Each structure stands twice: as C-alpha cells, then as structure tokens.
Amino acid sequence: MSKQAEELLEDLAESLQVPPSRYEAAERSYKSVGDWFHREASSLRLADPQVYVQGSFRLGTAIRPFAEDEDYDIDLVCELSVSKSHLSQAQLKAALGKEIAAYADAHGMQRPTEGRRCWTLAYADGAQFHLDTLPAIPDGPRQRLLLENRGYSTQWSETAIAITDQDHYAYREIADDWPHSNPKGFCNWFRSRMAVIFEARRRALALEAHASVEDIPEYRVRTPLQSAIQILKHHRDRMFVGRGDEKPISIILTTLSARAYQQEPTISAALFSILRGMANFIEYRNGVAWIENPTDPAENFADRWQNHPERREAFYEWLKQAQADFTNAAIATTRDAATAALEPRLGRQLMEAANARRAGGNANGLLGRIVGGARAVGRVLNPSHKQAAPWNILEQGSVDIERATMQRNGFRPEEFASDGSPLPKHCSLRFEAETNVPKPYKVYWQVVNTGREAANANVLRGGFDEGIVSVGKLTRDESTSYSGTHSVECFIVKNGLLAAKSGQFIVNIQ
C-alpha cells in the first residue's frame, strides 16, 4: 500500500473516532444512573446493582455520526444480585424500569421507553446519546455447567448473565431458563485478540504522558483492529442505506474481524488481513452457515441466515465490494486517487473530513480549509439552518481561531480546545482570530447552534454577523446559554470576495 493510502486510512479512522469528550460524558451519565440505583430510597439498592457498558463503546469500535441530529446509542447492563427462583424476567424488567423512570423524573428528562430487551433513556437535552439499559442477573455457574455438558470451552463463562426478552417463551414465568449473554466475556475475548498491540500502545502513551499505564484510560488506546473495524462498519452502513434488513450486523463484522486479525501493526495491514481472512471463519455445520460466539460456542451469530438467505448473500456482496474498494485505494499512487476509490462507498463528507486532517494533499489552500474546517477534530457541523457563504472565493491568505477562553463569574479566563469536554452554562466565551490578509477587509462571524434548547428558544442562528476590525486580534464574544454542540467560524472578506475562512471551532455545552 502506498504511503498516501496508508495516511488516508489513518485519517479516516481518526475522523470516525468518537471524541474523548463523548466517552467521558457517557461515563459520567451511566455512573450517575448507577449512583441513583444505589441511593438510600432506591428499590434496587439491596440487589447491589452494577451498571456497566457493553457493545461498541466497551470494545472501542463505536463510530461518530456525521448527521448532527443523530444520537449515539450507549448500551448498558444493570446486573442485579437476585435469584431466578424468586422473580420472572418481566418482574425484573419492571423493577428496573420503575427506577429509570424515577431517575428521568428527578432530572427533568423524558420518560424512558420500553424495548424488547431494555429500557431506553434519552439522556438530557443536547447530550446527543441514548442509554439503552438491559436488566440482567449473574448466570456464570449455570452457563459453565451447560458448556461443560456439551463439551465446549468454559474459558469466558464466568461473567455470563441472564437477561430479559419479551419474546422469550418464559418471559412472564418464574423459570430457570432465561436468555443469556456475556458482554464482559466477549470484550475480554476481543481484547485478547489485540493484546500485544494494545498493551504496547498503552505503555507508549503512558511514557509520553509521564504517567503510569493504569492512568491511561482504555478508550484512549487505539489499535489497528479497532480502527479497521470502524472503517468497515462505516463502509457497510453507507453501502446498505435503504437496505437495513439485509445489512450485516455489527457483531458478525466484529467477531470475524477479530478472528482474522494477526496483531498487524498498521491499519492497512490489519484491514487487508481481515478482508482476506474473515470469510474463513464462517463454518458450515450440516449445511448451516455458522459464526460461533467465542464466549458460547453453542450460539450462532448467523442463525438468521438460515431463514433469510438474502442476509448471507448481502454479507458476501459487502465483502466483495469492500475488497475491491480498498484494493483500488491501496494501489493508488496519489491521495486524490485513493480518495476517488473510496468516496463512492464511504461518502464525500467523511472523505473531506479525513483529507482536512493532514496538511498537504487535498487539504492544501483555501478550498481544503473551507471543506475541512476544524481539522483538529475531524468533523463539521452542517445542519439545515447553517447558511452557505454568500461570497465568491479568491484566496488571499489565511485566518485561524488561535485562542478560545471561558470565564465563569468571578474567576479568571480559562482556555479550552475545539470539541473538548462540555462547558458549563452561564459562562462568557471569547474567540480570538488572527489573519495574514492585508487590510482593508471585513470580518464576519458565523455562529451555529444545535440542540432542543436553542431550537425551542428560536436561536439556532447560522447566519453571518459582521465584526469589528481594529488594532490587534479579531475577537468575538459569546456565552454558554444552550446545551448542545455549536460552532463558531471566522470569515475574511476583501473587495467583496471570500479571502480566508478559519474552519469551525466546535463548542460543546452541558
């Protein structure tokens, strides 16, 4: 693979990565829910509720949505120390639902909605994620016994759980036979598939930060396996727009990718190892396609392929297309050619964000800066109320937002970064820009708000406000009034033409 294509894959992975601020916000949120379950008045307190993340956020394979109104789905487990001999699945689920509803009421949130297996809570206005909480009870000993009796490995069975499912035949009965799962076991298996690279990178981060390895949060460690899966998931999502029923499910992509991965040190090597080898881990047992759950060899992740053969065909259709697309990118001799090979399936928005991350290539010049904006964060706010720049372009220099500060009442100003941790409300903000465009010129600022609070107050904005050109830096004052993700951008207009544009500075507000 050419150096240009390798760099493009690295930038694609960075552009798909969930910002650390989102991981931190999600962690604060589910810990808050867990604390609620442990409060003195909680009806669940004596059952010692343990709340933890499962799914792609736990595995480090979640991808950021590029639609600004799209939420992250955070999958949680609430494990309760109760016995199946004392209550049914329905009773356990109702008990958890009661406490989640009380939490929502106490925090001014919408009431949770009940799904087949879990409760869904839209976590606060502007937070941009849902918490899907699955009721569960420990079930390790029973699963170990079942696996032993069938002659299967019990390596990961200790953390197995029994879960609720409205479609289960014994949902409303007190019975020993419950549906089961093992998200901790699956994560442990997944980590074992990349352990060498993961630990090496975590040590390197600790050394760079002059910290202990334990001080480096796991979500900050990125491996080629995780990045390759993120890229493949986005490729799949784009390819199956409008064909959701046929789309290969993430657990299949993740399992086959982890099995095919051989500790390759780069994203490109991992990606091609996966694309070449993943189909080899699809077994056929008595003519039935079988993708074994590594924590429960008796479970087939592809069980629905039997009654829906179009899903099996769709998987191989996707695999063939992915092999072709990434092979064409690999043999490209320029970044532009690699971009052209991937854009039809990965989408223009992601490719533009990726190309804006690196100086050079498509990110050169004013057009590259305008397309990419916020290259340090790799995402661009583009809601429908954001107005397009009304000027024709004639590059005459550059402009950058060099500094942003937040000031709480009575405190000194504090600097903050684009797309960093959410800022508290009711603070003053100042943005300072610098330009090398020669005077005379005019400066304009575009502020774009998102979120329900701004919408309800009818202040989504998105237009252009002329600023004051004076001696020194170009400044813009704002305040943290509305929860959500917002952006600030600086434009320099000379002789009626757009001479320079800063790119978006992303501001997250609690």
Foldseek 3Di string as FASTA:
>chain_A
DDPLLQLLLVLLLLLFADDPQLLVVVVVVQVVLVVLCCDPPHPQNVQPWDKDWFDCSLQLQHTDDQAQLAAAETEMETEGADDLQPFFQVVQQVSSLVSQQVVCVVVVFDRWDDDQFFTWGPPDWFSRYIYTYWYWYADLVVLLVVQVVVVHDQVLSRQKIFTAGNPDPCRHHSDPDGDIDHRPSLSVVLCVLQVVLQVVQLVVVCVVVVHDSVVDDSSVGDALLSSLLNQLVLLQVQVCVVPVVQGDDSVLSSQLLSVQADNDRGNLVSNVSSLVGSVVQFDADVNRTARADPNRRVDGPCVCCVVVVSNVVSVVVSSVLVVQLSVQLVPDPASVRNCVSCCVRNHPLSSLLSQCQDPDDQLPDFVSCVSHFPNVNSGAHDDPLADDDPFAADAQWEKAQPWKWKADVPDDTDTDAFPDHADEFPIKMKTWMDIPRDDDWWKKKAKAADIDVCVVVVNRGNDIDTFDDDPDTTMDMDGRHDAHKMWMKMFIGDPRHTHYIHGIRIHGHD
